[in-house]
N, C-alpha and C. Protein backbone atom coordinates (compact mmCIF):
# COMPACT_ATOMS: atom_id res chain seq x y z
N UNK A 1 -1.15 7.03 17.35
CA UNK A 1 -1.31 6.30 16.12
C UNK A 1 -2.69 6.59 15.54
N UNK A 2 -2.76 6.50 14.23
CA UNK A 2 -4.05 6.66 13.56
C UNK A 2 -4.30 5.45 12.66
N UNK A 3 -5.55 5.19 12.39
CA UNK A 3 -5.93 4.06 11.54
C UNK A 3 -6.24 4.59 10.15
N UNK A 4 -5.68 3.92 9.15
CA UNK A 4 -5.95 4.24 7.74
C UNK A 4 -6.36 2.96 7.04
N UNK A 5 -7.31 3.05 6.14
CA UNK A 5 -7.65 1.93 5.28
C UNK A 5 -7.22 2.31 3.87
N UNK A 6 -6.43 1.44 3.26
CA UNK A 6 -5.94 1.71 1.91
C UNK A 6 -6.28 0.53 1.01
N UNK A 7 -6.20 0.79 -0.28
CA UNK A 7 -6.40 -0.24 -1.29
C UNK A 7 -5.14 -0.30 -2.13
N UNK A 8 -4.58 -1.50 -2.28
CA UNK A 8 -3.42 -1.71 -3.14
C UNK A 8 -3.91 -2.47 -4.36
N UNK A 9 -3.57 -1.96 -5.55
CA UNK A 9 -3.93 -2.61 -6.81
C UNK A 9 -2.68 -2.84 -7.62
N UNK A 10 -2.68 -3.89 -8.41
CA UNK A 10 -1.55 -4.16 -9.27
C UNK A 10 -1.69 -5.48 -9.99
N UNK A 11 -0.56 -5.96 -10.49
CA UNK A 11 -0.51 -7.24 -11.19
C UNK A 11 0.64 -8.06 -10.62
N UNK A 12 0.43 -9.37 -10.57
CA UNK A 12 1.49 -10.29 -10.19
C UNK A 12 1.31 -11.54 -11.06
N UNK A 13 2.38 -11.93 -11.71
CA UNK A 13 2.35 -13.08 -12.63
C UNK A 13 1.24 -12.95 -13.66
N UNK A 14 1.00 -11.73 -14.15
CA UNK A 14 0.00 -11.49 -15.18
C UNK A 14 -1.43 -11.40 -14.69
N UNK A 15 -1.66 -11.58 -13.40
CA UNK A 15 -3.01 -11.52 -12.83
C UNK A 15 -3.20 -10.23 -12.05
N UNK A 16 -4.32 -9.57 -12.26
CA UNK A 16 -4.61 -8.33 -11.52
C UNK A 16 -5.08 -8.68 -10.12
N UNK A 17 -4.72 -7.82 -9.16
CA UNK A 17 -5.16 -8.01 -7.79
C UNK A 17 -5.56 -6.69 -7.18
N UNK A 18 -6.37 -6.79 -6.14
CA UNK A 18 -6.77 -5.64 -5.33
C UNK A 18 -6.83 -6.12 -3.89
N UNK A 19 -6.16 -5.40 -2.99
CA UNK A 19 -6.12 -5.81 -1.58
C UNK A 19 -6.46 -4.62 -0.70
N UNK A 20 -7.43 -4.78 0.16
CA UNK A 20 -7.75 -3.77 1.17
C UNK A 20 -6.89 -4.05 2.40
N UNK A 21 -6.29 -3.00 2.93
CA UNK A 21 -5.38 -3.14 4.06
C UNK A 21 -5.76 -2.12 5.13
N UNK A 22 -5.96 -2.59 6.36
CA UNK A 22 -6.17 -1.70 7.51
C UNK A 22 -4.82 -1.51 8.18
N UNK A 23 -4.38 -0.26 8.27
CA UNK A 23 -3.07 0.06 8.83
C UNK A 23 -3.19 0.87 10.11
N UNK A 24 -2.24 0.69 11.00
CA UNK A 24 -2.01 1.62 12.09
C UNK A 24 -0.76 2.40 11.72
N UNK A 25 -0.89 3.71 11.63
CA UNK A 25 0.21 4.57 11.20
C UNK A 25 0.69 5.37 12.40
N UNK A 26 1.98 5.32 12.68
CA UNK A 26 2.56 6.06 13.79
C UNK A 26 2.45 7.56 13.58
N UNK A 27 2.58 8.32 14.68
CA UNK A 27 2.40 9.77 14.63
C UNK A 27 3.31 10.45 13.61
N UNK A 28 4.56 10.04 13.54
CA UNK A 28 5.52 10.66 12.63
C UNK A 28 5.81 9.78 11.41
N UNK A 29 5.07 8.70 11.27
CA UNK A 29 5.34 7.72 10.21
C UNK A 29 4.55 8.07 8.94
N UNK A 30 5.17 7.87 7.79
CA UNK A 30 4.48 8.04 6.52
C UNK A 30 3.67 6.78 6.22
N UNK A 31 2.58 6.94 5.50
CA UNK A 31 1.71 5.81 5.16
C UNK A 31 2.48 4.75 4.38
N UNK A 32 3.34 5.17 3.43
CA UNK A 32 4.11 4.20 2.65
C UNK A 32 4.97 3.32 3.55
N UNK A 33 5.56 3.89 4.56
CA UNK A 33 6.38 3.09 5.48
C UNK A 33 5.51 2.13 6.28
N UNK A 34 4.31 2.56 6.66
CA UNK A 34 3.39 1.68 7.37
C UNK A 34 2.95 0.52 6.48
N UNK A 35 2.78 0.77 5.17
CA UNK A 35 2.46 -0.30 4.23
C UNK A 35 3.59 -1.32 4.21
N UNK A 36 4.82 -0.86 4.13
CA UNK A 36 5.99 -1.76 4.13
C UNK A 36 6.03 -2.57 5.41
N UNK A 37 5.77 -1.92 6.53
CA UNK A 37 5.77 -2.62 7.82
C UNK A 37 4.68 -3.69 7.86
N UNK A 38 3.51 -3.39 7.28
CA UNK A 38 2.41 -4.36 7.23
C UNK A 38 2.85 -5.64 6.53
N UNK A 39 3.64 -5.49 5.47
CA UNK A 39 4.12 -6.64 4.71
C UNK A 39 5.43 -7.20 5.27
N UNK A 40 5.81 -6.75 6.47
CA UNK A 40 7.03 -7.20 7.15
C UNK A 40 8.26 -7.05 6.27
N UNK A 41 8.35 -5.90 5.61
CA UNK A 41 9.44 -5.61 4.68
C UNK A 41 10.33 -4.52 5.27
N UNK A 42 11.57 -4.52 4.86
CA UNK A 42 12.50 -3.45 5.23
C UNK A 42 12.57 -2.38 4.15
N UNK A 43 11.73 -2.50 3.12
CA UNK A 43 11.69 -1.50 2.05
C UNK A 43 11.37 -0.13 2.65
N UNK A 44 11.95 0.90 2.07
CA UNK A 44 11.75 2.26 2.55
C UNK A 44 10.67 3.02 1.79
N UNK A 45 10.15 2.43 0.71
CA UNK A 45 9.13 3.10 -0.09
C UNK A 45 8.22 2.06 -0.73
N UNK A 46 7.08 2.52 -1.22
CA UNK A 46 6.15 1.63 -1.89
C UNK A 46 6.79 1.07 -3.15
N UNK A 47 7.57 1.87 -3.86
CA UNK A 47 8.24 1.41 -5.07
C UNK A 47 9.19 0.25 -4.75
N UNK A 48 9.97 0.37 -3.70
CA UNK A 48 10.87 -0.72 -3.29
C UNK A 48 10.06 -1.96 -2.91
N UNK A 49 8.95 -1.79 -2.19
CA UNK A 49 8.10 -2.91 -1.80
C UNK A 49 7.53 -3.59 -3.04
N UNK A 50 7.10 -2.80 -4.01
CA UNK A 50 6.54 -3.32 -5.24
C UNK A 50 7.56 -4.22 -5.96
N UNK A 51 8.80 -3.79 -6.04
CA UNK A 51 9.86 -4.58 -6.67
C UNK A 51 10.11 -5.84 -5.87
N UNK A 52 10.21 -5.70 -4.55
CA UNK A 52 10.46 -6.83 -3.66
C UNK A 52 9.38 -7.91 -3.78
N UNK A 53 8.11 -7.46 -3.90
CA UNK A 53 6.98 -8.39 -3.95
C UNK A 53 6.72 -8.93 -5.36
N UNK A 54 7.36 -8.34 -6.36
CA UNK A 54 7.14 -8.78 -7.74
C UNK A 54 5.87 -8.23 -8.36
N UNK A 55 5.36 -7.12 -7.79
CA UNK A 55 4.14 -6.50 -8.31
C UNK A 55 4.48 -5.62 -9.50
N UNK A 56 3.59 -5.56 -10.47
CA UNK A 56 3.73 -4.68 -11.64
C UNK A 56 2.54 -3.73 -11.67
N UNK A 57 2.75 -2.55 -12.26
CA UNK A 57 1.67 -1.56 -12.43
C UNK A 57 0.87 -1.37 -11.15
N UNK A 58 1.56 -1.26 -10.04
CA UNK A 58 0.89 -1.17 -8.74
C UNK A 58 0.77 0.27 -8.25
N UNK A 59 -0.27 0.48 -7.47
CA UNK A 59 -0.45 1.77 -6.81
C UNK A 59 -1.28 1.52 -5.55
N UNK A 60 -1.31 2.52 -4.69
CA UNK A 60 -2.16 2.43 -3.50
C UNK A 60 -3.00 3.69 -3.42
N UNK A 61 -4.16 3.56 -2.83
CA UNK A 61 -5.09 4.67 -2.67
C UNK A 61 -5.66 4.62 -1.26
N UNK A 62 -6.12 5.77 -0.80
CA UNK A 62 -6.88 5.80 0.45
C UNK A 62 -8.28 5.30 0.14
N UNK A 63 -8.78 4.37 0.93
CA UNK A 63 -10.14 3.90 0.76
C UNK A 63 -11.08 4.90 1.42
N UNK A 64 -12.17 5.15 0.76
CA UNK A 64 -13.18 6.07 1.27
C UNK A 64 -14.55 5.51 0.91
N UNK A 65 -15.53 5.80 1.72
CA UNK A 65 -16.88 5.32 1.42
C UNK A 65 -17.38 5.88 0.10
N UNK A 66 -17.02 7.12 -0.21
CA UNK A 66 -17.57 7.78 -1.39
C UNK A 66 -16.63 7.84 -2.58
N UNK A 67 -15.32 7.82 -2.33
CA UNK A 67 -14.38 7.98 -3.43
C UNK A 67 -13.01 7.48 -3.05
N UNK A 68 -12.16 7.33 -4.06
CA UNK A 68 -10.78 6.93 -3.87
C UNK A 68 -9.87 8.06 -4.31
N UNK A 69 -8.78 8.26 -3.58
CA UNK A 69 -7.78 9.23 -3.95
C UNK A 69 -6.55 8.46 -4.40
N UNK A 70 -6.12 8.69 -5.64
CA UNK A 70 -5.02 7.91 -6.21
C UNK A 70 -3.70 8.61 -5.89
N UNK A 71 -2.78 7.87 -5.29
CA UNK A 71 -1.42 8.34 -5.02
C UNK A 71 -0.46 7.34 -5.62
N UNK A 72 0.47 7.82 -6.41
CA UNK A 72 1.45 6.90 -7.02
C UNK A 72 2.84 7.39 -6.77
């Protein structure tokens, strides 16, 4: 397993949010699936999780000391 720190940003009920998440990602597991597992969801993708959670305009990025990499 490897440790990843990600940032999830989006809107819920018209309010913007940002959440830092420390994940343990399995050897063959994709980061998006690890995000779903963190939220105790059976969603298979971040898009499905976003719908399930009621998030709008959401994305996740890898957290880095110097910069962020945007993945949508």
